[in-house]
C-alpha atoms as a PDB file:
ATOM      1  CA  MET A   1      34.608  -1.715  -3.434  1.00  0.00           C
ATOM      2  CA  ILE A   2      33.829  -4.207  -0.691  1.00  0.00           C
ATOM      3  CA  LYS A   3      30.802  -3.101   1.294  1.00  0.00           C
ATOM      4  CA  LYS A   4      31.065  -2.306   4.997  1.00  0.00           C
ATOM      5  CA  THR A   5      34.798  -2.782   5.286  1.00  0.00           C
ATOM      6  CA  ILE A   6      36.163   0.599   6.403  1.00  0.00           C
ATOM      7  CA  LEU A   7      38.018   0.217   9.688  1.00  0.00           C
ATOM      8  CA  ILE A   8      38.700   2.727  12.414  1.00  0.00           C
ATOM      9  CA  PHE A   9      41.903   1.519  14.069  1.00  0.00           C
ATOM     10  CA  PHE A  10      42.292   3.651  17.155  1.00  0.00           C
ATOM     11  CA  PHE A  11      40.347   1.421  19.557  1.00  0.00           C
ATOM     12  CA  ALA A  12      40.764   2.151  23.247  1.00  0.00           C
ATOM     13  CA  SER A  13      42.599  -0.366  25.404  1.00  0.00           C
ATOM     14  CA  LEU A  14      39.272  -1.119  27.121  1.00  0.00           C
ATOM     15  CA  LEU A  15      40.218  -1.059  30.767  1.00  0.00           C
ATOM     16  CA  THR A  16      43.421  -3.111  30.530  1.00  0.00           C
ATOM     17  CA  ALA A  17      45.155  -0.668  32.862  1.00  0.00           C
ATOM     18  CA  ALA A  18      42.347  -0.872  35.426  1.00  0.00           C
ATOM     19  CA  CYS A  19      42.652  -4.653  35.556  1.00  0.00           C
ATOM     20  CA  THR A  20      46.079  -4.378  37.157  1.00  0.00           C
ATOM     21  CA  THR A  21      44.976  -2.443  40.219  1.00  0.00           C
ATOM     22  CA  ARG A  22      45.436  -3.875  43.728  1.00  0.00           C
ATOM     23  CA  ASP A  23      41.675  -3.989  44.359  1.00  0.00           C
ATOM     24  CA  TYR A  24      41.241  -6.261  41.365  1.00  0.00           C
ATOM     25  CA  ASP A  25      44.037  -8.621  42.480  1.00  0.00           C
ATOM     26  CA  THR A  26      42.455  -9.124  45.905  1.00  0.00           C
ATOM     27  CA  GLY A  27      39.120 -10.037  44.338  1.00  0.00           C
ATOM     28  CA  ASP A  28      37.101  -7.400  46.183  1.00  0.00           C
ATOM     29  CA  GLY A  29      37.357  -4.359  43.926  1.00  0.00           C
ATOM     30  CA  LYS A  30      34.711  -2.854  41.690  1.00  0.00           C
ATOM     31  CA  LEU A  31      36.157  -4.678  38.663  1.00  0.00           C
ATOM     32  CA  SER A  32      36.362  -8.073  40.375  1.00  0.00           C
ATOM     33  CA  TYR A  33      33.456  -9.479  38.360  1.00  0.00           C
ATOM     34  CA  MET A  34      34.295  -7.868  35.032  1.00  0.00           C
ATOM     35  CA  ARG A  35      34.656 -10.101  31.991  1.00  0.00           C
ATOM     36  CA  ALA A  36      34.752  -9.665  28.225  1.00  0.00           C
ATOM     37  CA  ASP A  37      32.748 -11.693  25.723  1.00  0.00           C
ATOM     38  CA  PHE A  38      32.086 -11.762  22.024  1.00  0.00           C
ATOM     39  CA  ALA A  39      28.344 -11.519  21.585  1.00  0.00           C
ATOM     40  CA  GLU A  40      25.360 -10.469  19.527  1.00  0.00           C
ATOM     41  CA  ALA A  41      23.717  -7.367  20.986  1.00  0.00           C
ATOM     42  CA  HIS A  42      19.982  -6.894  20.465  1.00  0.00           C
ATOM     43  CA  SER A  43      18.343  -3.558  19.681  1.00  0.00           C
ATOM     44  CA  ASN A  44      14.838  -2.876  20.946  1.00  0.00           C
ATOM     45  CA  ALA A  45      11.907  -1.201  19.202  1.00  0.00           C
ATOM     46  CA  VAL A  46      13.548   2.236  19.383  1.00  0.00           C
ATOM     47  CA  GLY A  47      17.027   1.077  18.362  1.00  0.00           C
ATOM     48  CA  SER A  48      18.647   0.996  21.815  1.00  0.00           C
ATOM     49  CA  LEU A  49      20.609  -2.074  22.926  1.00  0.00           C
ATOM     50  CA  ASP A  50      18.922  -3.965  25.752  1.00  0.00           C
ATOM     51  CA  TYR A  51      20.770  -7.288  26.010  1.00  0.00           C
ATOM     52  CA  ALA A  52      23.483  -9.402  24.418  1.00  0.00           C
ATOM     53  CA  ASP A  53      23.786 -13.145  23.820  1.00  0.00           C
ATOM     54  CA  THR A  54      27.385 -14.272  24.264  1.00  0.00           C
ATOM     55  CA  ASP A  55      29.070 -16.906  22.109  1.00  0.00           C
ATOM     56  CA  GLU A  56      28.965 -19.219  25.124  1.00  0.00           C
ATOM     57  CA  GLY A  57      25.175 -19.007  25.383  1.00  0.00           C
ATOM     58  CA  GLN A  58      24.848 -16.529  28.267  1.00  0.00           C
ATOM     59  CA  ARG A  59      22.271 -13.761  27.929  1.00  0.00           C
ATOM     60  CA  VAL A  60      23.552 -10.514  29.424  1.00  0.00           C
ATOM     61  CA  TYR A  61      20.741  -8.073  30.279  1.00  0.00           C
ATOM     62  CA  PHE A  62      21.700  -4.410  30.495  1.00  0.00           C
ATOM     63  CA  PRO A  63      20.441  -2.403  33.519  1.00  0.00           C
ATOM     64  CA  SER A  64      19.314   0.323  31.128  1.00  0.00           C
ATOM     65  CA  ALA A  65      19.170   0.426  27.358  1.00  0.00           C
ATOM     66  CA  VAL A  66      22.463   1.436  25.757  1.00  0.00           C
ATOM     67  CA  GLN A  67      22.480   3.883  22.876  1.00  0.00           C
ATOM     68  CA  ALA A  68      25.243   3.543  20.270  1.00  0.00           C
ATOM     69  CA  LYS A  69      25.794   5.602  17.133  1.00  0.00           C
ATOM     70  CA  TRP A  70      26.288   2.442  15.087  1.00  0.00           C
ATOM     71  CA  ALA A  71      23.044   0.820  16.291  1.00  0.00           C
ATOM     72  CA  VAL A  72      20.597   2.481  13.930  1.00  0.00           C
ATOM     73  CA  THR A  73      18.061  -0.275  13.217  1.00  0.00           C
ATOM     74  CA  ALA A  74      15.338  -1.466  15.576  1.00  0.00           C
ATOM     75  CA  ASP A  75      14.912  -5.159  16.404  1.00  0.00           C
ATOM     76  CA  SER A  76      18.298  -6.116  15.006  1.00  0.00           C
ATOM     77  CA  LEU A  77      21.446  -7.952  16.097  1.00  0.00           C
ATOM     78  CA  TYR A  78      24.922  -6.408  16.160  1.00  0.00           C
ATOM     79  CA  ARG A  79      28.226  -8.245  16.556  1.00  0.00           C
ATOM     80  CA  VAL A  80      30.012  -6.793  19.598  1.00  0.00           C
ATOM     81  CA  LEU A  81      32.722  -7.208  22.201  1.00  0.00           C
ATOM     82  CA  VAL A  82      31.129  -6.443  25.561  1.00  0.00           C
ATOM     83  CA  TYR A  83      32.872  -5.790  28.891  1.00  0.00           C
ATOM     84  CA  TYR A  84      30.467  -6.269  31.791  1.00  0.00           C
ATOM     85  CA  ASP A  85      30.096  -7.351  35.404  1.00  0.00           C
ATOM     86  CA  ALA A  86      29.143 -11.021  35.674  1.00  0.00           C
ATOM     87  CA  THR A  87      27.545 -12.132  38.930  1.00  0.00           C
ATOM     88  CA  GLU A  88      25.193 -15.044  39.515  1.00  0.00           C
ATOM     89  CA  GLU A  89      22.935 -13.052  41.806  1.00  0.00           C
ATOM     90  CA  LYS A  90      21.980 -10.388  39.273  1.00  0.00           C
ATOM     91  CA  THR A  91      19.602 -10.610  36.346  1.00  0.00           C
ATOM     92  CA  THR A  92      21.078  -7.406  34.923  1.00  0.00           C
ATOM     93  CA  ASN A  93      24.741  -6.599  34.459  1.00  0.00           C
ATOM     94  CA  LYS A  94      26.651  -3.324  34.497  1.00  0.00           C
ATOM     95  CA  VAL A  95      28.208  -2.669  31.095  1.00  0.00           C
ATOM     96  CA  HIS A  96      31.681  -1.108  31.130  1.00  0.00           C
ATOM     97  CA  SER A  97      32.233  -1.026  27.377  1.00  0.00           C
ATOM     98  CA  LEU A  98      30.430  -2.095  24.212  1.00  0.00           C
ATOM     99  CA  MET A  99      32.300  -2.120  20.900  1.00  0.00           C
ATOM    100  CA  GLN A 100      30.948  -3.098  17.507  1.00  0.00           C
ATOM    101  CA  LEU A 101      33.073  -5.649  15.678  1.00  0.00           C
ATOM    102  CA  VAL A 102      33.849  -5.745  11.970  1.00  0.00           C
ATOM    103  CA  THR A 103      31.791  -8.542  10.382  1.00  0.00           C
ATOM    104  CA  LEU A 104      32.856  -9.831   6.959  1.00  0.00           C
ATOM    105  CA  THR A 105      30.672 -12.145   4.903  1.00  0.00           C
ATOM    106  CA  PRO A 106      32.665 -14.121   2.296  1.00  0.00           C
ATOM    107  CA  LYS A 107      32.013 -12.867  -1.252  1.00  0.00           C
ATOM    108  CA  PRO A 108      32.622 -14.619  -4.577  1.00  0.00           C
ATOM    109  CA  ALA A 109      35.188 -13.101  -6.930  1.00  0.00           C
ATOM    110  CA  SER A 110      32.416 -11.785  -9.189  1.00  0.00           C
ATOM    111  CA  GLU A 111      31.327  -9.429  -6.393  1.00  0.00           C
ATOM    112  CA  VAL A 112      34.788  -8.170  -5.422  1.00  0.00           C
ATOM    113  CA  LYS A 113      36.358  -5.736  -7.860  1.00  0.00           C
ATOM    114  CA  GLU A 114      39.606  -5.126  -5.955  1.00  0.00           C
ATOM    115  CA  GLN A 115      41.322  -8.158  -4.421  1.00  0.00           C
ATOM    116  CA  HIS A 116      44.248  -6.762  -2.444  1.00  0.00           C
ATOM    117  CA  THR A 117      46.124  -9.116  -0.107  1.00  0.00           C
ATOM    118  CA  ASP A 118      48.488  -6.769   1.705  1.00  0.00           C
ATOM    119  CA  PRO A 119      50.082  -8.432   4.768  1.00  0.00           C
ATOM    120  CA  VAL A 120      48.773  -8.406   8.337  1.00  0.00           C
ATOM    121  CA  LYS A 121      49.869  -9.993  11.609  1.00  0.00           C
ATOM    122  CA  VAL A 122      47.731 -12.858  12.935  1.00  0.00           C
ATOM    123  CA  GLU A 123      47.407 -12.880  16.719  1.00  0.00           C
ATOM    124  CA  SER A 124      44.540 -15.367  17.152  1.00  0.00           C
ATOM    125  CA  ALA A 125      41.941 -17.301  15.143  1.00  0.00           C
ATOM    126  CA  TRP A 126      39.134 -19.526  16.453  1.00  0.00           C
ATOM    127  CA  VAL A 127      35.580 -20.730  15.895  1.00  0.00           C
ATOM    128  CA  SER A 128      33.064 -19.350  18.392  1.00  0.00           C
ATOM    129  CA  VAL A 129      31.621 -21.836  20.892  1.00  0.00           C
ATOM    130  CA  ASN A 130      28.185 -21.603  19.260  1.00  0.00           C
ATOM    131  CA  GLY A 131      29.707 -22.205  15.814  1.00  0.00           C
ATOM    132  CA  LYS A 132      28.236 -19.022  14.344  1.00  0.00           C
ATOM    133  CA  TYR A 133      31.490 -17.169  13.624  1.00  0.00           C
ATOM    134  CA  ILE A 134      35.145 -17.532  12.802  1.00  0.00           C
ATOM    135  CA  ASN A 135      36.879 -14.887  14.911  1.00  0.00           C
ATOM    136  CA  LEU A 136      40.196 -13.272  14.043  1.00  0.00           C
ATOM    137  CA  GLY A 137      42.475 -11.126  16.163  1.00  0.00           C
ATOM    138  CA  LEU A 138      44.687  -9.242  13.713  1.00  0.00           C
ATOM    139  CA  ARG A 139      47.298  -6.546  14.014  1.00  0.00           C
ATOM    140  CA  LEU A 140      47.296  -4.087  11.134  1.00  0.00           C
ATOM    141  CA  MET A 141      50.082  -1.604  10.647  1.00  0.00           C
ATOM    142  CA  THR A 142      48.879   1.984  10.746  1.00  0.00           C
ATOM    143  CA  GLY A 143      49.966   5.545  11.472  1.00  0.00           C
ATOM    144  CA  ALA A 144      48.877   9.165  11.415  1.00  0.00           C
ATOM    145  CA  THR A 145      48.396  10.842   8.045  1.00  0.00           C
ATOM    146  CA  ASP A 146      47.136  14.224   6.851  1.00  0.00           C
ATOM    147  CA  ASP A 147      45.179  12.567   4.040  1.00  0.00           C
ATOM    148  CA  ASP A 148      41.701  11.763   5.354  1.00  0.00           C
ATOM    149  CA  THR A 149      40.929   9.701   2.246  1.00  0.00           C
ATOM    150  CA  LEU A 150      43.468   7.031   3.178  1.00  0.00           C
ATOM    151  CA  LYS A 151      41.622   4.221   4.932  1.00  0.00           C
ATOM    152  CA  GLN A 152      42.463   0.554   5.047  1.00  0.00           C
ATOM    153  CA  THR A 153      39.852  -1.919   3.853  1.00  0.00           C
ATOM    154  CA  VAL A 154      39.379  -5.618   4.526  1.00  0.00           C
ATOM    155  CA  GLY A 155      37.192  -8.386   3.176  1.00  0.00           C
ATOM    156  CA  VAL A 156      36.923 -12.138   2.729  1.00  0.00           C
ATOM    157  CA  LEU A 157      36.961 -13.801  -0.684  1.00  0.00           C
ATOM    158  CA  LEU A 158      35.139 -17.081  -1.287  1.00  0.00           C
ATOM    159  CA  ASP A 159      37.571 -18.866  -3.604  1.00  0.00           C
ATOM    160  CA  GLU A 160      35.838 -22.210  -3.832  1.00  0.00           C
ATOM    161  CA  LYS A 161      33.147 -24.401  -2.307  1.00  0.00           C
ATOM    162  CA  THR A 162      33.534 -28.147  -2.832  1.00  0.00           C
ATOM    163  CA  GLU A 163      31.563 -31.184  -1.711  1.00  0.00           C
ATOM    164  CA  ARG A 164      33.427 -33.889   0.218  1.00  0.00           C
ATOM    165  CA  GLU A 165      32.882 -37.646   0.206  1.00  0.00           C
ATOM    166  CA  ASP A 166      30.842 -37.530   3.432  1.00  0.00           C
ATOM    167  CA  ASN A 167      28.461 -34.984   1.830  1.00  0.00           C
ATOM    168  CA  THR A 168      29.826 -32.118   3.906  1.00  0.00           C
ATOM    169  CA  HIS A 169      31.420 -29.140   2.177  1.00  0.00           C
ATOM    170  CA  HIS A 170      34.777 -27.407   2.241  1.00  0.00           C
ATOM    171  CA  TYR A 171      35.076 -23.635   1.877  1.00  0.00           C
ATOM    172  CA  GLN A 172      38.311 -22.100   0.626  1.00  0.00           C
ATOM    173  CA  LEU A 173      38.589 -18.455   1.734  1.00  0.00           C
ATOM    174  CA  THR A 174      41.179 -15.700   1.289  1.00  0.00           C
ATOM    175  CA  PHE A 175      41.493 -12.727   3.627  1.00  0.00           C
ATOM    176  CA  LEU A 176      41.630  -9.436   1.710  1.00  0.00           C
ATOM    177  CA  HIS A 177      43.443  -6.352   2.959  1.00  0.00           C
ATOM    178  CA  ASN A 178      44.237  -3.087   1.216  1.00  0.00           C
ATOM    179  CA  GLN A 179      46.816  -0.969   3.054  1.00  0.00           C
ATOM    180  CA  ASN A 180      45.801   1.858   0.701  1.00  0.00           C
ATOM    181  CA  GLY A 181      48.831   4.025   1.405  1.00  0.00           C
ATOM    182  CA  VAL A 182      48.264   4.244   5.169  1.00  0.00           C
ATOM    183  CA  PRO A 183      51.653   4.631   6.938  1.00  0.00           C
ATOM    184  CA  GLU A 184      52.956   1.518   8.727  1.00  0.00           C
ATOM    185  CA  TYR A 185      54.411   3.036  11.906  1.00  0.00           C
ATOM    186  CA  TYR A 186      52.829   0.788  14.546  1.00  0.00           C
ATOM    187  CA  SER A 187      50.304  -2.034  14.854  1.00  0.00           C
ATOM    188  CA  ALA A 188      46.680  -1.797  15.971  1.00  0.00           C
ATOM    189  CA  LEU A 189      44.745  -4.816  17.200  1.00  0.00           C
ATOM    190  CA  VAL A 190      41.370  -5.366  15.521  1.00  0.00           C
ATOM    191  CA  TYR A 191      38.873  -8.185  15.964  1.00  0.00           C
ATOM    192  CA  ILE A 192      36.979  -9.467  12.955  1.00  0.00           C
ATOM    193  CA  SER A 193      34.123 -11.987  12.778  1.00  0.00           C
ATOM    194  CA  ILE A 194      33.264 -14.087   9.726  1.00  0.00           C
ATOM    195  CA  PRO A 195      29.672 -15.411   9.853  1.00  0.00           C
ATOM    196  CA  THR A 196      29.213 -19.121   9.165  1.00  0.00           C
ATOM    197  CA  ALA A 197      25.406 -19.131   9.101  1.00  0.00           C
ATOM    198  CA  ASN A 198      25.331 -20.440   5.522  1.00  0.00           C
ATOM    199  CA  MET A 199      27.557 -23.395   6.466  1.00  0.00           C
ATOM    200  CA  ASP A 200      26.410 -26.682   7.980  1.00  0.00           C
ATOM    201  CA  ALA A 201      27.746 -28.571  10.982  1.00  0.00           C
ATOM    202  CA  GLY A 202      30.736 -30.626   9.925  1.00  0.00           C
ATOM    203  CA  ASP A 203      31.728 -28.330   7.076  1.00  0.00           C
ATOM    204  CA  GLY A 204      35.408 -27.442   6.814  1.00  0.00           C
ATOM    205  CA  ILE A 205      36.897 -24.001   6.222  1.00  0.00           C
ATOM    206  CA  THR A 206      40.402 -23.068   5.128  1.00  0.00           C
ATOM    207  CA  LEU A 207      41.329 -19.392   5.422  1.00  0.00           C
ATOM    208  CA  ARG A 208      44.425 -18.077   3.655  1.00  0.00           C
ATOM    209  CA  ILE A 209      45.999 -14.948   5.175  1.00  0.00           C
ATOM    210  CA  ASN A 210      49.012 -13.066   3.846  1.00  0.00           C
ATOM    211  CA  THR A 211      51.293 -12.139   6.758  1.00  0.00           C
ATOM    212  CA  TYR A 212      54.603 -10.301   6.992  1.00  0.00           C
ATOM    213  CA  ASP A 213      56.217 -13.752   7.269  1.00  0.00           C
ATOM    214  CA  GLY A 214      54.453 -15.139   4.204  1.00  0.00           C
ATOM    215  CA  TRP A 215      51.131 -16.858   3.539  1.00  0.00           C
ATOM    216  CA  GLU A 216      49.445 -18.780   6.360  1.00  0.00           C
ATOM    217  CA  GLU A 217      46.518 -21.199   6.243  1.00  0.00           C
ATOM    218  CA  ARG A 218      44.123 -21.602   9.161  1.00  0.00           C
ATOM    219  CA  THR A 219      41.700 -24.529   9.100  1.00  0.00           C
ATOM    220  CA  PHE A 220      38.429 -24.820  10.996  1.00  0.00           C
ATOM    221  CA  GLU A 221      35.520 -27.242  11.380  1.00  0.00           C
ATOM    222  CA  LYS A 222      32.072 -25.885  12.042  1.00  0.00           C
END
């Protein structure tokens, strides 16, 4: 099985309803300065999260350390989506929500026993500003079931790495998805990050994704 690929799909809408209030529209409400960023959250010596570095290079300090069930290791970095108040006057920022993102490191075929490519819906795909991740916004079909053993899994397969004439490399990747018998009643939006730390600036990446409309290829340059 692919390590660290079990997904929990019932993410909250993360304040989307609150963003439509009249106070927000006038620019003077309590959510006027709220923004959302993909980031790496840092855990301190006791495992609590004390700040996050966004993909755009902004360090967001938390007013008080945040404890999360999934942050279990001290002095570590966790890939997150953080909703927070952003104001120039403050050195600390109120955190409204902090969600860990699924991070998938490409694996060669020799390390992936099951290579399912069940379809998904692609909503967005982009390289982070700092070049450290390929980010995907995907909609996976899901639904309630009485069988607790049914869980969808995802992964990324490294099909091939080739050297190009300019001495850069090209990575051919395939997105893996196992529906695993989960009912397909409605779609759930999930964000996934693919680390590119082992790739060099100028390298190219092609990601193949099976969708309900057929296979798609997304190309990126680090």
